[in-house]
Amino acid sequence: MSGSSSSTKTFSYTSEDVTKVVRKFTTDLRMIAESSKSMTEAAKYGHDVEYLAQRGFLKMADVTLLSGGIEVKAVQYVVQIGSSDLTPSRAGGVLWPEVSQPSLRIILTYTSDYTPALKEETKPKLKISWSPTDVSTSHSTLKENSARDYSSNGFGVSRKDFT
């Protein structure tokens, strides 16, 4: 006697779900920028992250506070599609310190769907001039210390904090 079974999970999310989740990222970014006094263009970065996420091109966003080129704090937002394991959280918990010689570095990692041709096509629609980098986002000098998730109907990001 033999038997088999199968199951399928279907996650459907809308552009409103993506917007809802990415706005939490943008809220975090504004808190980081204002509290650390390290950036004034948070809304522009938020726009680009939302634009890329809406089209399925965003894999991860990494935000790092530097003091004179040295990492002080960082946060990574890893896109999760179809995960029911994420627990929705509120934005926040990112009031970062003011440091000397502050700068905020934002690195985006893209999905394989974001081809060079699509990068050229979308360039005029983005508010930031993004350029390739080989900077590591491992944050080996920092310690991962907490996490929270932002999700809505199968679209989410898992946030990892480093101090």
C-alpha atoms as a PDB file:
ATOM      1  CA  MET A   1       0.000   0.000   0.000  1.00  0.00           C
ATOM      2  CA  SER A   2       1.323   3.436  -0.854  1.00  0.00           C
ATOM      3  CA  GLY A   3       0.051   6.926  -0.561  1.00  0.00           C
ATOM      4  CA  SER A   4       1.055  10.458  -1.256  1.00  0.00           C
ATOM      5  CA  SER A   5       0.004  13.879  -0.242  1.00  0.00           C
ATOM      6  CA  SER A   6       0.860  17.375  -1.211  1.00  0.00           C
ATOM      7  CA  SER A   7       0.056  20.820  -0.034  1.00  0.00           C
ATOM      8  CA  THR A   8       0.416  24.221  -1.543  1.00  0.00           C
ATOM      9  CA  LYS A   9       0.617  27.553   0.182  1.00  0.00           C
ATOM     10  CA  THR A  10      -0.346  30.537  -1.865  1.00  0.00           C
ATOM     11  CA  PHE A  11       0.546  34.020  -0.800  1.00  0.00           C
ATOM     12  CA  SER A  12      -0.962  36.912  -2.611  1.00  0.00           C
ATOM     13  CA  TYR A  13       0.009  40.411  -1.757  1.00  0.00           C
ATOM     14  CA  THR A  14      -0.770  43.703  -3.405  1.00  0.00           C
ATOM     15  CA  SER A  15       1.219  46.832  -4.081  1.00  0.00           C
ATOM     16  CA  GLU A  16      -0.503  48.260  -0.997  1.00  0.00           C
ATOM     17  CA  ASP A  17       1.060  45.483   1.102  1.00  0.00           C
ATOM     18  CA  VAL A  18       4.501  46.349  -0.275  1.00  0.00           C
ATOM     19  CA  THR A  19       3.878  50.044   0.394  1.00  0.00           C
ATOM     20  CA  LYS A  20       2.766  49.316   3.951  1.00  0.00           C
ATOM     21  CA  VAL A  21       5.939  47.339   4.678  1.00  0.00           C
ATOM     22  CA  VAL A  22       8.347  49.707   2.909  1.00  0.00           C
ATOM     23  CA  ARG A  23       6.893  52.712   4.717  1.00  0.00           C
ATOM     24  CA  LYS A  24       8.061  51.105   7.965  1.00  0.00           C
ATOM     25  CA  PHE A  25      11.560  50.959   6.449  1.00  0.00           C
ATOM     26  CA  THR A  26      11.275  54.638   5.494  1.00  0.00           C
ATOM     27  CA  THR A  27      10.085  55.514   9.003  1.00  0.00           C
ATOM     28  CA  ASP A  28      13.090  53.683  10.437  1.00  0.00           C
ATOM     29  CA  LEU A  29      15.414  55.467   8.009  1.00  0.00           C
ATOM     30  CA  ARG A  30      14.012  58.872   8.970  1.00  0.00           C
ATOM     31  CA  MET A  31      14.482  58.056  12.674  1.00  0.00           C
ATOM     32  CA  ILE A  32      18.060  56.939  12.020  1.00  0.00           C
ATOM     33  CA  ALA A  33      18.871  60.017   9.924  1.00  0.00           C
ATOM     34  CA  GLU A  34      17.308  62.506  12.337  1.00  0.00           C
ATOM     35  CA  SER A  35      18.666  60.995  15.551  1.00  0.00           C
ATOM     36  CA  SER A  36      22.209  60.553  14.214  1.00  0.00           C
ATOM     37  CA  LYS A  37      22.147  63.806  12.211  1.00  0.00           C
ATOM     38  CA  SER A  38      23.758  61.913   9.358  1.00  0.00           C
ATOM     39  CA  MET A  39      21.439  62.432   6.375  1.00  0.00           C
ATOM     40  CA  THR A  40      18.723  64.679   5.003  1.00  0.00           C
ATOM     41  CA  GLU A  41      17.555  62.606   1.999  1.00  0.00           C
ATOM     42  CA  ALA A  42      15.755  59.784   3.831  1.00  0.00           C
ATOM     43  CA  ALA A  43      12.527  60.304   1.856  1.00  0.00           C
ATOM     44  CA  LYS A  44      14.395  59.968  -1.461  1.00  0.00           C
ATOM     45  CA  TYR A  45      15.981  56.703  -0.377  1.00  0.00           C
ATOM     46  CA  GLY A  46      12.597  55.475   0.848  1.00  0.00           C
ATOM     47  CA  HIS A  47      11.086  56.302  -2.551  1.00  0.00           C
ATOM     48  CA  ASP A  48      13.709  54.247  -4.378  1.00  0.00           C
ATOM     49  CA  VAL A  49      13.398  51.275  -2.028  1.00  0.00           C
ATOM     50  CA  GLU A  50       9.620  51.294  -2.483  1.00  0.00           C
ATOM     51  CA  TYR A  51       9.916  51.634  -6.266  1.00  0.00           C
ATOM     52  CA  LEU A  52      12.312  48.677  -6.501  1.00  0.00           C
ATOM     53  CA  ALA A  53      10.369  46.520  -4.021  1.00  0.00           C
ATOM     54  CA  GLN A  54       7.095  47.120  -5.895  1.00  0.00           C
ATOM     55  CA  ARG A  55       8.685  45.637  -9.003  1.00  0.00           C
ATOM     56  CA  GLY A  56      10.302  42.657  -7.281  1.00  0.00           C
ATOM     57  CA  PHE A  57      13.843  43.972  -7.732  1.00  0.00           C
ATOM     58  CA  LEU A  58      14.840  44.451  -4.079  1.00  0.00           C
ATOM     59  CA  LYS A  59      16.540  41.642  -2.182  1.00  0.00           C
ATOM     60  CA  MET A  60      18.067  43.548   0.744  1.00  0.00           C
ATOM     61  CA  ALA A  61      18.677  47.069   2.029  1.00  0.00           C
ATOM     62  CA  ASP A  62      21.615  47.642   4.354  1.00  0.00           C
ATOM     63  CA  VAL A  63      21.896  50.888   6.349  1.00  0.00           C
ATOM     64  CA  THR A  64      25.122  51.626   8.233  1.00  0.00           C
ATOM     65  CA  LEU A  65      26.066  54.559  10.474  1.00  0.00           C
ATOM     66  CA  LEU A  66      29.742  55.410  10.176  1.00  0.00           C
ATOM     67  CA  SER A  67      31.873  57.699  12.319  1.00  0.00           C
ATOM     68  CA  GLY A  68      34.943  58.778  10.401  1.00  0.00           C
ATOM     69  CA  GLY A  69      34.581  55.711   8.195  1.00  0.00           C
ATOM     70  CA  ILE A  70      34.204  53.245  11.121  1.00  0.00           C
ATOM     71  CA  GLU A  71      30.975  51.256  11.486  1.00  0.00           C
ATOM     72  CA  VAL A  72      29.011  52.213  14.610  1.00  0.00           C
ATOM     73  CA  LYS A  73      25.577  50.678  13.997  1.00  0.00           C
ATOM     74  CA  ALA A  74      23.838  48.924  11.142  1.00  0.00           C
ATOM     75  CA  VAL A  75      20.517  47.457  10.197  1.00  0.00           C
ATOM     76  CA  GLN A  76      19.651  45.072   7.369  1.00  0.00           C
ATOM     77  CA  TYR A  77      16.226  44.620   5.811  1.00  0.00           C
ATOM     78  CA  VAL A  78      15.958  41.297   3.979  1.00  0.00           C
ATOM     79  CA  VAL A  79      12.920  40.902   1.724  1.00  0.00           C
ATOM     80  CA  GLN A  80      10.829  37.817   2.482  1.00  0.00           C
ATOM     81  CA  ILE A  81       8.126  36.826   0.016  1.00  0.00           C
ATOM     82  CA  GLY A  82       5.582  34.212   0.952  1.00  0.00           C
ATOM     83  CA  SER A  83       6.847  33.718   4.483  1.00  0.00           C
ATOM     84  CA  SER A  84       4.226  33.092   7.120  1.00  0.00           C
ATOM     85  CA  ASP A  85       6.933  33.027   9.810  1.00  0.00           C
ATOM     86  CA  LEU A  86       7.229  36.806  10.052  1.00  0.00           C
ATOM     87  CA  THR A  87       5.590  38.512  13.004  1.00  0.00           C
ATOM     88  CA  PRO A  88       4.468  42.027  12.078  1.00  0.00           C
ATOM     89  CA  SER A  89       6.103  44.700  14.238  1.00  0.00           C
ATOM     90  CA  ARG A  90       5.900  48.448  14.464  1.00  0.00           C
ATOM     91  CA  ALA A  91       8.638  50.603  13.013  1.00  0.00           C
ATOM     92  CA  GLY A  92      11.113  52.013  15.492  1.00  0.00           C
ATOM     93  CA  GLY A  93      13.822  51.113  17.933  1.00  0.00           C
ATOM     94  CA  VAL A  94      16.414  52.871  15.810  1.00  0.00           C
ATOM     95  CA  LEU A  95      17.205  56.100  17.619  1.00  0.00           C
ATOM     96  CA  TRP A  96      20.901  56.092  16.856  1.00  0.00           C
ATOM     97  CA  PRO A  97      23.511  58.297  18.542  1.00  0.00           C
ATOM     98  CA  GLU A  98      25.088  61.423  17.165  1.00  0.00           C
ATOM     99  CA  VAL A  99      28.701  60.650  16.304  1.00  0.00           C
ATOM    100  CA  SER A 100      31.642  62.699  15.087  1.00  0.00           C
ATOM    101  CA  GLN A 101      32.128  62.783  11.327  1.00  0.00           C
ATOM    102  CA  PRO A 102      28.798  61.020  10.697  1.00  0.00           C
ATOM    103  CA  SER A 103      27.799  59.426   7.435  1.00  0.00           C
ATOM    104  CA  LEU A 104      25.060  57.022   6.550  1.00  0.00           C
ATOM    105  CA  ARG A 105      25.793  54.342   3.955  1.00  0.00           C
ATOM    106  CA  ILE A 106      22.910  52.608   2.209  1.00  0.00           C
ATOM    107  CA  ILE A 107      23.594  49.562   0.057  1.00  0.00           C
ATOM    108  CA  LEU A 108      20.871  47.812  -1.899  1.00  0.00           C
ATOM    109  CA  THR A 109      21.119  44.225  -3.083  1.00  0.00           C
ATOM    110  CA  TYR A 110      18.956  43.327  -6.049  1.00  0.00           C
ATOM    111  CA  THR A 111      17.185  40.209  -7.254  1.00  0.00           C
ATOM    112  CA  SER A 112      18.401  38.520 -10.427  1.00  0.00           C
ATOM    113  CA  ASP A 113      15.304  39.922 -12.175  1.00  0.00           C
ATOM    114  CA  TYR A 114      16.879  43.388 -12.078  1.00  0.00           C
ATOM    115  CA  THR A 115      18.901  43.075 -15.257  1.00  0.00           C
ATOM    116  CA  PRO A 116      21.348  45.690 -16.557  1.00  0.00           C
ATOM    117  CA  ALA A 117      18.758  46.704 -19.171  1.00  0.00           C
ATOM    118  CA  LEU A 118      16.111  47.221 -16.476  1.00  0.00           C
ATOM    119  CA  LYS A 119      18.596  49.213 -14.380  1.00  0.00           C
ATOM    120  CA  GLU A 120      19.072  51.601 -17.288  1.00  0.00           C
ATOM    121  CA  GLU A 121      15.330  51.769 -17.901  1.00  0.00           C
ATOM    122  CA  THR A 122      14.494  52.576 -14.267  1.00  0.00           C
ATOM    123  CA  LYS A 123      17.353  55.039 -13.655  1.00  0.00           C
ATOM    124  CA  PRO A 124      15.263  58.142 -14.528  1.00  0.00           C
ATOM    125  CA  LYS A 125      12.526  57.041 -12.117  1.00  0.00           C
ATOM    126  CA  LEU A 126      14.869  56.806  -9.122  1.00  0.00           C
ATOM    127  CA  LYS A 127      15.718  59.795  -6.935  1.00  0.00           C
ATOM    128  CA  ILE A 128      19.206  58.600  -5.930  1.00  0.00           C
ATOM    129  CA  SER A 129      22.080  57.884  -8.329  1.00  0.00           C
ATOM    130  CA  TRP A 130      22.947  54.352  -7.261  1.00  0.00           C
ATOM    131  CA  SER A 131      26.350  52.947  -8.139  1.00  0.00           C
ATOM    132  CA  PRO A 132      27.909  49.495  -7.754  1.00  0.00           C
ATOM    133  CA  THR A 133      30.002  48.774  -4.669  1.00  0.00           C
ATOM    134  CA  ASP A 134      32.079  45.954  -3.310  1.00  0.00           C
ATOM    135  CA  VAL A 135      31.743  47.113   0.312  1.00  0.00           C
ATOM    136  CA  SER A 136      31.008  44.211   2.649  1.00  0.00           C
ATOM    137  CA  THR A 137      27.695  44.189   4.493  1.00  0.00           C
ATOM    138  CA  SER A 138      28.761  41.457   6.925  1.00  0.00           C
ATOM    139  CA  HIS A 139      29.295  43.961   9.767  1.00  0.00           C
ATOM    140  CA  SER A 140      32.036  41.750  11.181  1.00  0.00           C
ATOM    141  CA  THR A 141      33.079  44.444  13.675  1.00  0.00           C
ATOM    142  CA  LEU A 142      29.542  44.690  15.056  1.00  0.00           C
ATOM    143  CA  LYS A 143      27.345  42.245  16.937  1.00  0.00           C
ATOM    144  CA  GLU A 144      23.877  41.215  15.776  1.00  0.00           C
ATOM    145  CA  ASN A 145      21.668  41.925  18.751  1.00  0.00           C
ATOM    146  CA  SER A 146      18.002  42.073  17.830  1.00  0.00           C
ATOM    147  CA  ALA A 147      15.517  41.710  15.050  1.00  0.00           C
ATOM    148  CA  ARG A 148      11.999  42.578  14.088  1.00  0.00           C
ATOM    149  CA  ASP A 149       9.788  41.857  11.117  1.00  0.00           C
ATOM    150  CA  TYR A 150       7.558  44.019   8.985  1.00  0.00           C
ATOM    151  CA  SER A 151       4.985  42.101   6.955  1.00  0.00           C
ATOM    152  CA  SER A 152       1.632  42.277   5.243  1.00  0.00           C
ATOM    153  CA  ASN A 153      -0.139  39.399   3.454  1.00  0.00           C
ATOM    154  CA  GLY A 154       2.907  37.412   2.375  1.00  0.00           C
ATOM    155  CA  PHE A 155       5.256  40.326   1.685  1.00  0.00           C
ATOM    156  CA  GLY A 156       7.683  41.310   4.378  1.00  0.00           C
ATOM    157  CA  VAL A 157      11.138  42.234   5.489  1.00  0.00           C
ATOM    158  CA  SER A 158      13.129  40.734   8.291  1.00  0.00           C
ATOM    159  CA  ARG A 159      15.146  43.429  10.056  1.00  0.00           C
ATOM    160  CA  LYS A 160      18.457  42.565  11.713  1.00  0.00           C
ATOM    161  CA  ASP A 161      20.111  45.126  13.986  1.00  0.00           C
ATOM    162  CA  PHE A 162      23.868  45.352  14.590  1.00  0.00           C
ATOM    163  CA  THR A 163      25.672  47.337  17.305  1.00  0.00           C
END
